[in-house]
Amino acid sequence: MKKYEAVFILDIRKVDDEGKAFSQDFGALVESLGGKMEAAVSLGRKQFTYDINKRKAGIYWDFMFELDSLKVIEIKNKYKLNETVLRNLILINDRPEGAPTTVTLNLDGAQAQQ
């Protein structure tokens, strides 16, 4: 099994609970396909630079999971026509263990890794 990272942008008008139910459904789907959920993080509401399907903002969710490569195709097909999902991206997570996940800027402009 490989490690994957998936980012979903949810339609604000079709989600009542900031995507918590979607997150639970996604986790249940991964586990039903024989995978293992590692993390589900809500990144909150964000404004788009340009409209997506006439929407100006969306709710972002980031998922980390392990799954067989052939099963990832099933996940992509399930959410391809889902009206709740505006965009999704599933990538192989090949970061080395212990590598920083985010880079932020200090007030003086120097980079600080977290």
PDB file of N, CA and C in Angstrom:
ATOM      1  N   MET A   1       0.842  -1.185   0.000  1.00  0.00           N
ATOM      2  CA  MET A   1       0.000   0.000   0.000  1.00  0.00           C
ATOM      3  C   MET A   1       0.883   1.243   0.000  1.00  0.00           C
ATOM      4  N   LYS A   2       0.406   2.256  -0.707  1.00  0.00           N
ATOM      5  CA  LYS A   2       1.121   3.528  -0.779  1.00  0.00           C
ATOM      6  C   LYS A   2       0.402   4.570   0.060  1.00  0.00           C
ATOM      7  N   LYS A   3       1.147   5.599   0.437  1.00  0.00           N
ATOM      8  CA  LYS A   3       0.566   6.724   1.161  1.00  0.00           C
ATOM      9  C   LYS A   3       0.095   7.763   0.152  1.00  0.00           C
ATOM     10  N   TYR A   4      -1.081   8.308   0.402  1.00  0.00           N
ATOM     11  CA  TYR A   4      -1.664   9.312  -0.481  1.00  0.00           C
ATOM     12  C   TYR A   4      -2.098  10.523   0.335  1.00  0.00           C
ATOM     13  N   GLU A   5      -2.140  11.654  -0.359  1.00  0.00           N
ATOM     14  CA  GLU A   5      -2.704  12.873   0.207  1.00  0.00           C
ATOM     15  C   GLU A   5      -3.776  13.351  -0.763  1.00  0.00           C
ATOM     16  N   ALA A   6      -4.945  13.664  -0.233  1.00  0.00           N
ATOM     17  CA  ALA A   6      -6.058  14.124  -1.062  1.00  0.00           C
ATOM     18  C   ALA A   6      -6.560  15.454  -0.514  1.00  0.00           C
ATOM     19  N   VAL A   7      -6.818  16.390  -1.427  1.00  0.00           N
ATOM     20  CA  VAL A   7      -7.397  17.675  -1.059  1.00  0.00           C
ATOM     21  C   VAL A   7      -8.726  17.793  -1.798  1.00  0.00           C
ATOM     22  N   PHE A   8      -9.772  18.081  -1.036  1.00  0.00           N
ATOM     23  CA  PHE A   8     -11.107  18.261  -1.599  1.00  0.00           C
ATOM     24  C   PHE A   8     -11.576  19.680  -1.308  1.00  0.00           C
ATOM     25  N   ILE A   9     -12.224  20.296  -2.306  1.00  0.00           N
ATOM     26  CA  ILE A   9     -12.879  21.587  -2.122  1.00  0.00           C
ATOM     27  C   ILE A   9     -14.373  21.318  -2.210  1.00  0.00           C
ATOM     28  N   LEU A  10     -15.072  21.626  -1.119  1.00  0.00           N
ATOM     29  CA  LEU A  10     -16.497  21.348  -1.036  1.00  0.00           C
ATOM     30  C   LEU A  10     -17.314  22.609  -1.283  1.00  0.00           C
ATOM     31  N   ASP A  11     -18.493  22.425  -1.876  1.00  0.00           N
ATOM     32  CA  ASP A  11     -19.411  23.519  -2.147  1.00  0.00           C
ATOM     33  C   ASP A  11     -20.070  23.960  -0.840  1.00  0.00           C
ATOM     34  N   ILE A  12     -19.932  25.228  -0.500  1.00  0.00           N
ATOM     35  CA  ILE A  12     -20.470  25.761   0.753  1.00  0.00           C
ATOM     36  C   ILE A  12     -21.989  25.618   0.811  1.00  0.00           C
ATOM     37  N   ARG A  13     -22.645  25.769  -0.314  1.00  0.00           N
ATOM     38  CA  ARG A  13     -24.111  25.720  -0.334  1.00  0.00           C
ATOM     39  C   ARG A  13     -24.667  24.317  -0.121  1.00  0.00           C
ATOM     40  N   LYS A  14     -23.852  23.289  -0.326  1.00  0.00           N
ATOM     41  CA  LYS A  14     -24.347  21.915  -0.227  1.00  0.00           C
ATOM     42  C   LYS A  14     -23.819  21.178   0.992  1.00  0.00           C
ATOM     43  N   VAL A  15     -23.096  21.884   1.855  1.00  0.00           N
ATOM     44  CA  VAL A  15     -22.530  21.283   3.066  1.00  0.00           C
ATOM     45  C   VAL A  15     -23.058  22.055   4.267  1.00  0.00           C
ATOM     46  N   ASP A  16     -23.637  21.331   5.222  1.00  0.00           N
ATOM     47  CA  ASP A  16     -24.220  21.988   6.392  1.00  0.00           C
ATOM     48  C   ASP A  16     -23.254  22.086   7.562  1.00  0.00           C
ATOM     49  N   ASP A  17     -22.390  21.125   7.724  1.00  0.00           N
ATOM     50  CA  ASP A  17     -21.579  21.009   8.941  1.00  0.00           C
ATOM     51  C   ASP A  17     -20.094  21.235   8.695  1.00  0.00           C
ATOM     52  N   GLU A  18     -19.768  22.145   7.777  1.00  0.00           N
ATOM     53  CA  GLU A  18     -18.375  22.449   7.437  1.00  0.00           C
ATOM     54  C   GLU A  18     -17.627  21.228   6.904  1.00  0.00           C
ATOM     55  N   GLY A  19     -18.335  20.218   6.437  1.00  0.00           N
ATOM     56  CA  GLY A  19     -17.712  19.062   5.812  1.00  0.00           C
ATOM     57  C   GLY A  19     -17.374  17.924   6.748  1.00  0.00           C
ATOM     58  N   LYS A  20     -17.817  17.974   7.996  1.00  0.00           N
ATOM     59  CA  LYS A  20     -17.500  16.891   8.937  1.00  0.00           C
ATOM     60  C   LYS A  20     -18.122  15.573   8.510  1.00  0.00           C
ATOM     61  N   ALA A  21     -19.350  15.602   8.015  1.00  0.00           N
ATOM     62  CA  ALA A  21     -20.002  14.376   7.545  1.00  0.00           C
ATOM     63  C   ALA A  21     -19.276  13.831   6.311  1.00  0.00           C
ATOM     64  N   PHE A  22     -18.844  14.733   5.425  1.00  0.00           N
ATOM     65  CA  PHE A  22     -18.091  14.306   4.253  1.00  0.00           C
ATOM     66  C   PHE A  22     -16.791  13.637   4.676  1.00  0.00           C
ATOM     67  N   SER A  23     -16.125  14.204   5.665  1.00  0.00           N
ATOM     68  CA  SER A  23     -14.874  13.649   6.160  1.00  0.00           C
ATOM     69  C   SER A  23     -15.079  12.244   6.724  1.00  0.00           C
ATOM     70  N   GLN A  24     -16.141  12.054   7.478  1.00  0.00           N
ATOM     71  CA  GLN A  24     -16.431  10.732   8.036  1.00  0.00           C
ATOM     72  C   GLN A  24     -16.765   9.732   6.937  1.00  0.00           C
ATOM     73  N   ASP A  25     -17.523  10.175   5.929  1.00  0.00           N
ATOM     74  CA  ASP A  25     -17.850   9.290   4.804  1.00  0.00           C
ATOM     75  C   ASP A  25     -16.603   8.903   4.026  1.00  0.00           C
ATOM     76  N   PHE A  26     -15.707   9.873   3.824  1.00  0.00           N
ATOM     77  CA  PHE A  26     -14.468   9.588   3.100  1.00  0.00           C
ATOM     78  C   PHE A  26     -13.616   8.582   3.870  1.00  0.00           C
ATOM     79  N   GLY A  27     -13.501   8.771   5.175  1.00  0.00           N
ATOM     80  CA  GLY A  27     -12.745   7.837   6.009  1.00  0.00           C
ATOM     81  C   GLY A  27     -13.336   6.444   5.980  1.00  0.00           C
ATOM     82  N   ALA A  28     -14.662   6.360   6.026  1.00  0.00           N
ATOM     83  CA  ALA A  28     -15.331   5.055   5.968  1.00  0.00           C
ATOM     84  C   ALA A  28     -15.093   4.388   4.615  1.00  0.00           C
ATOM     85  N   LEU A  29     -15.082   5.183   3.537  1.00  0.00           N
ATOM     86  CA  LEU A  29     -14.832   4.630   2.206  1.00  0.00           C
ATOM     87  C   LEU A  29     -13.415   4.066   2.106  1.00  0.00           C
ATOM     88  N   VAL A  30     -12.438   4.806   2.585  1.00  0.00           N
ATOM     89  CA  VAL A  30     -11.052   4.350   2.539  1.00  0.00           C
ATOM     90  C   VAL A  30     -10.902   3.042   3.313  1.00  0.00           C
ATOM     91  N   GLU A  31     -11.498   2.986   4.503  1.00  0.00           N
ATOM     92  CA  GLU A  31     -11.383   1.772   5.314  1.00  0.00           C
ATOM     93  C   GLU A  31     -12.147   0.610   4.703  1.00  0.00           C
ATOM     94  N   SER A  32     -13.274   0.872   4.042  1.00  0.00           N
ATOM     95  CA  SER A  32     -14.026  -0.209   3.399  1.00  0.00           C
ATOM     96  C   SER A  32     -13.273  -0.778   2.198  1.00  0.00           C
ATOM     97  N   LEU A  33     -12.389   0.023   1.600  1.00  0.00           N
ATOM     98  CA  LEU A  33     -11.568  -0.447   0.476  1.00  0.00           C
ATOM     99  C   LEU A  33     -10.282  -1.116   0.949  1.00  0.00           C
ATOM    100  N   GLY A  34     -10.121  -1.266   2.256  1.00  0.00           N
ATOM    101  CA  GLY A  34      -8.945  -1.941   2.799  1.00  0.00           C
ATOM    102  C   GLY A  34      -7.799  -1.017   3.140  1.00  0.00           C
ATOM    103  N   GLY A  35      -8.053   0.275   3.178  1.00  0.00           N
ATOM    104  CA  GLY A  35      -7.007   1.248   3.479  1.00  0.00           C
ATOM    105  C   GLY A  35      -7.025   1.672   4.928  1.00  0.00           C
ATOM    106  N   LYS A  36      -6.181   2.647   5.229  1.00  0.00           N
ATOM    107  CA  LYS A  36      -6.052   3.147   6.598  1.00  0.00           C
ATOM    108  C   LYS A  36      -5.976   4.673   6.553  1.00  0.00           C
ATOM    109  N   MET A  37      -6.897   5.339   7.261  1.00  0.00           N
ATOM    110  CA  MET A  37      -6.872   6.795   7.362  1.00  0.00           C
ATOM    111  C   MET A  37      -5.818   7.207   8.379  1.00  0.00           C
ATOM    112  N   GLU A  38      -4.982   8.163   8.022  1.00  0.00           N
ATOM    113  CA  GLU A  38      -3.970   8.676   8.940  1.00  0.00           C
ATOM    114  C   GLU A  38      -4.363  10.027   9.510  1.00  0.00           C
ATOM    115  N   ALA A  39      -4.966  10.878   8.680  1.00  0.00           N
ATOM    116  CA  ALA A  39      -5.346  12.208   9.156  1.00  0.00           C
ATOM    117  C   ALA A  39      -6.426  12.792   8.251  1.00  0.00           C
ATOM    118  N   ALA A  40      -7.290  13.578   8.864  1.00  0.00           N
ATOM    119  CA  ALA A  40      -8.305  14.347   8.147  1.00  0.00           C
ATOM    120  C   ALA A  40      -8.308  15.735   8.778  1.00  0.00           C
ATOM    121  N   VAL A  41      -7.899  16.731   8.001  1.00  0.00           N
ATOM    122  CA  VAL A  41      -7.737  18.079   8.536  1.00  0.00           C
ATOM    123  C   VAL A  41      -8.605  19.053   7.745  1.00  0.00           C
ATOM    124  N   SER A  42      -9.431  19.788   8.474  1.00  0.00           N
ATOM    125  CA  SER A  42     -10.220  20.838   7.842  1.00  0.00           C
ATOM    126  C   SER A  42      -9.338  22.076   7.703  1.00  0.00           C
ATOM    127  N   LEU A  43      -9.218  22.586   6.499  1.00  0.00           N
ATOM    128  CA  LEU A  43      -8.432  23.790   6.254  1.00  0.00           C
ATOM    129  C   LEU A  43      -9.315  25.032   6.246  1.00  0.00           C
ATOM    130  N   GLY A  44     -10.619  24.838   6.443  1.00  0.00           N
ATOM    131  CA  GLY A  44     -11.544  25.956   6.572  1.00  0.00           C
ATOM    132  C   GLY A  44     -12.040  26.508   5.245  1.00  0.00           C
ATOM    133  N   ARG A  45     -12.780  27.592   5.359  1.00  0.00           N
ATOM    134  CA  ARG A  45     -13.325  28.278   4.183  1.00  0.00           C
ATOM    135  C   ARG A  45     -12.277  29.215   3.597  1.00  0.00           C
ATOM    136  N   LYS A  46     -12.180  29.193   2.292  1.00  0.00           N
ATOM    137  CA  LYS A  46     -11.223  30.069   1.618  1.00  0.00           C
ATOM    138  C   LYS A  46     -11.886  30.669   0.377  1.00  0.00           C
ATOM    139  N   GLN A  47     -11.541  31.921   0.103  1.00  0.00           N
ATOM    140  CA  GLN A  47     -12.022  32.594  -1.096  1.00  0.00           C
ATOM    141  C   GLN A  47     -11.211  32.121  -2.294  1.00  0.00           C
ATOM    142  N   PHE A  48     -11.862  31.966  -3.438  1.00  0.00           N
ATOM    143  CA  PHE A  48     -11.171  31.584  -4.665  1.00  0.00           C
ATOM    144  C   PHE A  48     -10.615  32.808  -5.369  1.00  0.00           C
ATOM    145  N   THR A  49      -9.546  32.614  -6.099  1.00  0.00           N
ATOM    146  CA  THR A  49      -9.000  33.681  -6.928  1.00  0.00           C
ATOM    147  C   THR A  49      -9.936  33.954  -8.101  1.00  0.00           C
ATOM    148  N   TYR A  50     -10.521  32.899  -8.633  1.00  0.00           N
ATOM    149  CA  TYR A  50     -11.517  33.012  -9.699  1.00  0.00           C
ATOM    150  C   TYR A  50     -12.658  32.060  -9.374  1.00  0.00           C
ATOM    151  N   ASP A  51     -13.836  32.319  -9.917  1.00  0.00           N
ATOM    152  CA  ASP A  51     -15.018  31.514  -9.620  1.00  0.00           C
ATOM    153  C   ASP A  51     -14.859  30.086 -10.128  1.00  0.00           C
ATOM    154  N   ILE A  52     -15.374  29.146  -9.349  1.00  0.00           N
ATOM    155  CA  ILE A  52     -15.454  27.746  -9.756  1.00  0.00           C
ATOM    156  C   ILE A  52     -16.929  27.377  -9.749  1.00  0.00           C
ATOM    157  N   ASN A  53     -17.471  27.082 -10.898  1.00  0.00           N
ATOM    158  CA  ASN A  53     -18.899  26.755 -11.026  1.00  0.00           C
ATOM    159  C   ASN A  53     -19.773  27.837 -10.383  1.00  0.00           C
ATOM    160  N   LYS A  54     -19.442  29.081 -10.635  1.00  0.00           N
ATOM    161  CA  LYS A  54     -20.152  30.255 -10.128  1.00  0.00           C
ATOM    162  C   LYS A  54     -20.113  30.376  -8.607  1.00  0.00           C
ATOM    163  N   ARG A  55     -19.133  29.756  -7.973  1.00  0.00           N
ATOM    164  CA  ARG A  55     -18.949  29.856  -6.530  1.00  0.00           C
ATOM    165  C   ARG A  55     -17.718  30.713  -6.264  1.00  0.00           C
ATOM    166  N   LYS A  56     -17.767  31.511  -5.210  1.00  0.00           N
ATOM    167  CA  LYS A  56     -16.662  32.411  -4.884  1.00  0.00           C
ATOM    168  C   LYS A  56     -15.786  31.894  -3.750  1.00  0.00           C
ATOM    169  N   ALA A  57     -16.251  30.839  -3.037  1.00  0.00           N
ATOM    170  CA  ALA A  57     -15.487  30.286  -1.915  1.00  0.00           C
ATOM    171  C   ALA A  57     -15.839  28.814  -1.755  1.00  0.00           C
ATOM    172  N   GLY A  58     -15.003  28.116  -1.000  1.00  0.00           N
ATOM    173  CA  GLY A  58     -15.238  26.703  -0.752  1.00  0.00           C
ATOM    174  C   GLY A  58     -14.623  26.278   0.567  1.00  0.00           C
ATOM    175  N   ILE A  59     -14.963  25.078   0.986  1.00  0.00           N
ATOM    176  CA  ILE A  59     -14.425  24.493   2.211  1.00  0.00           C
ATOM    177  C   ILE A  59     -13.369  23.473   1.807  1.00  0.00           C
ATOM    178  N   TYR A  60     -12.170  23.633   2.315  1.00  0.00           N
ATOM    179  CA  TYR A  60     -11.045  22.774   1.963  1.00  0.00           C
ATOM    180  C   TYR A  60     -10.848  21.693   3.028  1.00  0.00           C
ATOM    181  N   TRP A  61     -10.605  20.456   2.588  1.00  0.00           N
ATOM    182  CA  TRP A  61     -10.273  19.340   3.478  1.00  0.00           C
ATOM    183  C   TRP A  61      -9.039  18.649   2.938  1.00  0.00           C
ATOM    184  N   ASP A  62      -8.132  18.288   3.830  1.00  0.00           N
ATOM    185  CA  ASP A  62      -6.899  17.578   3.482  1.00  0.00           C
ATOM    186  C   ASP A  62      -6.915  16.221   4.183  1.00  0.00           C
ATOM    187  N   PHE A  63      -6.738  15.149   3.402  1.00  0.00           N
ATOM    188  CA  PHE A  63      -6.756  13.783   3.935  1.00  0.00           C
ATOM    189  C   PHE A  63      -5.426  13.099   3.655  1.00  0.00           C
ATOM    190  N   MET A  64      -4.934  12.354   4.630  1.00  0.00           N
ATOM    191  CA  MET A  64      -3.752  11.514   4.471  1.00  0.00           C
ATOM    192  C   MET A  64      -4.205  10.080   4.731  1.00  0.00           C
ATOM    193  N   PHE A  65      -3.872   9.172   3.800  1.00  0.00           N
ATOM    194  CA  PHE A  65      -4.310   7.794   3.963  1.00  0.00           C
ATOM    195  C   PHE A  65      -3.394   6.847   3.218  1.00  0.00           C
ATOM    196  N   GLU A  66      -3.483   5.560   3.572  1.00  0.00           N
ATOM    197  CA  GLU A  66      -2.769   4.498   2.881  1.00  0.00           C
ATOM    198  C   GLU A  66      -3.793   3.649   2.162  1.00  0.00           C
ATOM    199  N   LEU A  67      -3.488   3.290   0.911  1.00  0.00           N
ATOM    200  CA  LEU A  67      -4.436   2.515   0.119  1.00  0.00           C
ATOM    201  C   LEU A  67      -3.709   1.866  -1.054  1.00  0.00           C
ATOM    202  N   ASP A  68      -4.264   0.772  -1.528  1.00  0.00           N
ATOM    203  CA  ASP A  68      -3.742   0.098  -2.710  1.00  0.00           C
ATOM    204  C   ASP A  68      -3.963   1.002  -3.929  1.00  0.00           C
ATOM    205  N   SER A  69      -3.020   1.002  -4.849  1.00  0.00           N
ATOM    206  CA  SER A  69      -3.072   1.898  -6.009  1.00  0.00           C
ATOM    207  C   SER A  69      -4.328   1.715  -6.855  1.00  0.00           C
ATOM    208  N   LEU A  70      -4.776   0.501  -7.020  1.00  0.00           N
ATOM    209  CA  LEU A  70      -5.949   0.252  -7.854  1.00  0.00           C
ATOM    210  C   LEU A  70      -7.237   0.758  -7.202  1.00  0.00           C
ATOM    211  N   LYS A  71      -7.257   0.825  -5.905  1.00  0.00           N
ATOM    212  CA  LYS A  71      -8.446   1.292  -5.185  1.00  0.00           C
ATOM    213  C   LYS A  71      -8.599   2.807  -5.255  1.00  0.00           C
ATOM    214  N   VAL A  72      -7.514   3.525  -5.501  1.00  0.00           N
ATOM    215  CA  VAL A  72      -7.579   4.986  -5.600  1.00  0.00           C
ATOM    216  C   VAL A  72      -8.450   5.390  -6.782  1.00  0.00           C
ATOM    217  N   ILE A  73      -8.428   4.605  -7.836  1.00  0.00           N
ATOM    218  CA  ILE A  73      -9.258   4.881  -9.011  1.00  0.00           C
ATOM    219  C   ILE A  73     -10.738   4.847  -8.630  1.00  0.00           C
ATOM    220  N   GLU A  74     -11.118   3.929  -7.740  1.00  0.00           N
ATOM    221  CA  GLU A  74     -12.511   3.857  -7.282  1.00  0.00           C
ATOM    222  C   GLU A  74     -12.902   5.134  -6.545  1.00  0.00           C
ATOM    223  N   ILE A  75     -11.994   5.669  -5.739  1.00  0.00           N
ATOM    224  CA  ILE A  75     -12.280   6.914  -5.025  1.00  0.00           C
ATOM    225  C   ILE A  75     -12.453   8.061  -6.015  1.00  0.00           C
ATOM    226  N   LYS A  76     -11.566   8.148  -6.987  1.00  0.00           N
ATOM    227  CA  LYS A  76     -11.671   9.215  -7.984  1.00  0.00           C
ATOM    228  C   LYS A  76     -12.996   9.132  -8.736  1.00  0.00           C
ATOM    229  N   ASN A  77     -13.397   7.917  -9.125  1.00  0.00           N
ATOM    230  CA  ASN A  77     -14.650   7.748  -9.860  1.00  0.00           C
ATOM    231  C   ASN A  77     -15.861   8.082  -8.994  1.00  0.00           C
ATOM    232  N   LYS A  78     -15.807   7.768  -7.711  1.00  0.00           N
ATOM    233  CA  LYS A  78     -16.939   8.046  -6.821  1.00  0.00           C
ATOM    234  C   LYS A  78     -17.191   9.541  -6.686  1.00  0.00           C
ATOM    235  N   TYR A  79     -16.138  10.333  -6.594  1.00  0.00           N
ATOM    236  CA  TYR A  79     -16.295  11.769  -6.367  1.00  0.00           C
ATOM    237  C   TYR A  79     -16.247  12.606  -7.636  1.00  0.00           C
ATOM    238  N   LYS A  80     -16.094  11.968  -8.784  1.00  0.00           N
ATOM    239  CA  LYS A  80     -16.014  12.701 -10.047  1.00  0.00           C
ATOM    240  C   LYS A  80     -17.310  13.467 -10.332  1.00  0.00           C
ATOM    241  N   LEU A  81     -18.453  12.854 -10.094  1.00  0.00           N
ATOM    242  CA  LEU A  81     -19.738  13.473 -10.404  1.00  0.00           C
ATOM    243  C   LEU A  81     -20.514  13.899  -9.157  1.00  0.00           C
ATOM    244  N   ASN A  82     -19.854  13.930  -8.011  1.00  0.00           N
ATOM    245  CA  ASN A  82     -20.497  14.326  -6.764  1.00  0.00           C
ATOM    246  C   ASN A  82     -20.705  15.841  -6.768  1.00  0.00           C
ATOM    247  N   GLU A  83     -21.942  16.293  -6.549  1.00  0.00           N
ATOM    248  CA  GLU A  83     -22.259  17.716  -6.600  1.00  0.00           C
ATOM    249  C   GLU A  83     -21.686  18.498  -5.417  1.00  0.00           C
ATOM    250  N   THR A  84     -21.382  17.807  -4.336  1.00  0.00           N
ATOM    251  CA  THR A  84     -20.817  18.470  -3.155  1.00  0.00           C
ATOM    252  C   THR A  84     -19.367  18.872  -3.390  1.00  0.00           C
ATOM    253  N   VAL A  85     -18.656  18.121  -4.219  1.00  0.00           N
ATOM    254  CA  VAL A  85     -17.226  18.343  -4.453  1.00  0.00           C
ATOM    255  C   VAL A  85     -17.033  19.240  -5.677  1.00  0.00           C
ATOM    256  N   LEU A  86     -16.411  20.404  -5.448  1.00  0.00           N
ATOM    257  CA  LEU A  86     -16.096  21.301  -6.560  1.00  0.00           C
ATOM    258  C   LEU A  86     -14.812  20.869  -7.268  1.00  0.00           C
ATOM    259  N   ARG A  87     -13.789  20.517  -6.490  1.00  0.00           N
ATOM    260  CA  ARG A  87     -12.505  20.068  -7.027  1.00  0.00           C
ATOM    261  C   ARG A  87     -11.912  19.045  -6.077  1.00  0.00           C
ATOM    262  N   ASN A  88     -11.103  18.145  -6.626  1.00  0.00           N
ATOM    263  CA  ASN A  88     -10.338  17.227  -5.788  1.00  0.00           C
ATOM    264  C   ASN A  88      -9.018  16.904  -6.454  1.00  0.00           C
ATOM    265  N   LEU A  89      -8.059  16.543  -5.631  1.00  0.00           N
ATOM    266  CA  LEU A  89      -6.728  16.196  -6.105  1.00  0.00           C
ATOM    267  C   LEU A  89      -6.184  15.121  -5.182  1.00  0.00           C
ATOM    268  N   ILE A  90      -5.772  13.996  -5.784  1.00  0.00           N
ATOM    269  CA  ILE A  90      -5.190  12.904  -5.005  1.00  0.00           C
ATOM    270  C   ILE A  90      -3.782  12.669  -5.526  1.00  0.00           C
ATOM    271  N   LEU A  91      -2.800  12.771  -4.622  1.00  0.00           N
ATOM    272  CA  LEU A  91      -1.390  12.622  -4.978  1.00  0.00           C
ATOM    273  C   LEU A  91      -0.723  11.568  -4.110  1.00  0.00           C
ATOM    274  N   ILE A  92       0.310  10.940  -4.648  1.00  0.00           N
ATOM    275  CA  ILE A  92       1.129  10.042  -3.851  1.00  0.00           C
ATOM    276  C   ILE A  92       1.954  10.897  -2.901  1.00  0.00           C
ATOM    277  N   ASN A  93       1.921  10.553  -1.629  1.00  0.00           N
ATOM    278  CA  ASN A  93       2.671  11.302  -0.618  1.00  0.00           C
ATOM    279  C   ASN A  93       4.038  10.644  -0.466  1.00  0.00           C
ATOM    280  N   ASP A  94       5.041  11.221  -1.084  1.00  0.00           N
ATOM    281  CA  ASP A  94       6.380  10.640  -1.043  1.00  0.00           C
ATOM    282  C   ASP A  94       7.362  11.501  -0.255  1.00  0.00           C
ATOM    283  N   ARG A  95       6.845  12.268   0.709  1.00  0.00           N
ATOM    284  CA  ARG A  95       7.735  13.047   1.574  1.00  0.00           C
ATOM    285  C   ARG A  95       8.499  12.110   2.492  1.00  0.00           C
ATOM    286  N   PRO A  96       9.766  12.372   2.727  1.00  0.00           N
ATOM    287  CA  PRO A  96      10.519  11.558   3.679  1.00  0.00           C
ATOM    288  C   PRO A  96       9.976  11.749   5.095  1.00  0.00           C
ATOM    289  N   GLU A  97      10.144  10.723   5.920  1.00  0.00           N
ATOM    290  CA  GLU A  97       9.701  10.808   7.305  1.00  0.00           C
ATOM    291  C   GLU A  97      10.425  11.951   8.013  1.00  0.00           C
ATOM    292  N   GLY A  98       9.699  12.732   8.766  1.00  0.00           N
ATOM    293  CA  GLY A  98      10.284  13.828   9.517  1.00  0.00           C
ATOM    294  C   GLY A  98      10.460  15.113   8.732  1.00  0.00           C
ATOM    295  N   ALA A  99      10.085  15.116   7.456  1.00  0.00           N
ATOM    296  CA  ALA A  99      10.219  16.328   6.650  1.00  0.00           C
ATOM    297  C   ALA A  99       9.151  17.329   7.066  1.00  0.00           C
ATOM    298  N   PRO A 100       9.463  18.622   7.034  1.00  0.00           N
ATOM    299  CA  PRO A 100       8.460  19.620   7.405  1.00  0.00           C
ATOM    300  C   PRO A 100       7.310  19.620   6.402  1.00  0.00           C
ATOM    301  N   THR A 101       6.105  19.897   6.909  1.00  0.00           N
ATOM    302  CA  THR A 101       4.935  19.873   6.040  1.00  0.00           C
ATOM    303  C   THR A 101       4.538  21.252   5.569  1.00  0.00           C
ATOM    304  N   THR A 102       4.904  22.311   6.304  1.00  0.00           N
ATOM    305  CA  THR A 102       4.546  23.657   5.893  1.00  0.00           C
ATOM    306  C   THR A 102       5.741  24.588   6.052  1.00  0.00           C
ATOM    307  N   VAL A 103       5.747  25.625   5.261  1.00  0.00           N
ATOM    308  CA  VAL A 103       6.769  26.668   5.374  1.00  0.00           C
ATOM    309  C   VAL A 103       6.037  27.981   5.583  1.00  0.00           C
ATOM    310  N   THR A 104       6.411  28.726   6.614  1.00  0.00           N
ATOM    311  CA  THR A 104       5.794  30.005   6.894  1.00  0.00           C
ATOM    312  C   THR A 104       6.845  31.090   6.916  1.00  0.00           C
ATOM    313  N   LEU A 105       6.426  32.310   6.808  1.00  0.00           N
ATOM    314  CA  LEU A 105       7.349  33.436   6.848  1.00  0.00           C
ATOM    315  C   LEU A 105       7.245  34.134   8.202  1.00  0.00           C
ATOM    316  N   ASN A 106       8.379  34.470   8.776  1.00  0.00           N
ATOM    317  CA  ASN A 106       8.401  35.270   9.987  1.00  0.00           C
ATOM    318  C   ASN A 106       8.107  36.712   9.628  1.00  0.00           C
ATOM    319  N   LEU A 107       7.909  37.542  10.617  1.00  0.00           N
ATOM    320  CA  LEU A 107       7.628  38.954  10.358  1.00  0.00           C
ATOM    321  C   LEU A 107       8.792  39.669   9.682  1.00  0.00           C
ATOM    322  N   ASP A 108      10.028  39.186   9.913  1.00  0.00           N
ATOM    323  CA  ASP A 108      11.172  39.824   9.282  1.00  0.00           C
ATOM    324  C   ASP A 108      11.427  39.296   7.868  1.00  0.00           C
ATOM    325  N   GLY A 109      10.570  38.371   7.377  1.00  0.00           N
ATOM    326  CA  GLY A 109      10.702  37.867   6.012  1.00  0.00           C
ATOM    327  C   GLY A 109      11.507  36.596   5.877  1.00  0.00           C
ATOM    328  N   ALA A 110      12.156  36.137   6.941  1.00  0.00           N
ATOM    329  CA  ALA A 110      12.937  34.899   6.882  1.00  0.00           C
ATOM    330  C   ALA A 110      11.992  33.704   6.955  1.00  0.00           C
ATOM    331  N   GLN A 111      12.376  32.626   6.291  1.00  0.00           N
ATOM    332  CA  GLN A 111      11.547  31.424   6.315  1.00  0.00           C
ATOM    333  C   GLN A 111      11.772  30.652   7.610  1.00  0.00           C
ATOM    334  N   ALA A 112      10.668  30.166   8.158  1.00  0.00           N
ATOM    335  CA  ALA A 112      10.723  29.319   9.348  1.00  0.00           C
ATOM    336  C   ALA A 112       9.929  28.063   9.039  1.00  0.00           C
ATOM    337  N   GLN A 113      10.506  26.913   9.255  1.00  0.00           N
ATOM    338  CA  GLN A 113       9.811  25.663   8.966  1.00  0.00           C
ATOM    339  C   GLN A 113       9.147  25.142  10.204  1.00  0.00           C
ATOM    340  N   GLN A 114       7.969  24.570  10.007  1.00  0.00           N
ATOM    341  CA  GLN A 114       7.230  23.979  11.121  1.00  0.00           C
ATOM    342  C   GLN A 114       7.133  22.492  10.926  1.00  0.00           C
TER     343      GLN A 114
END
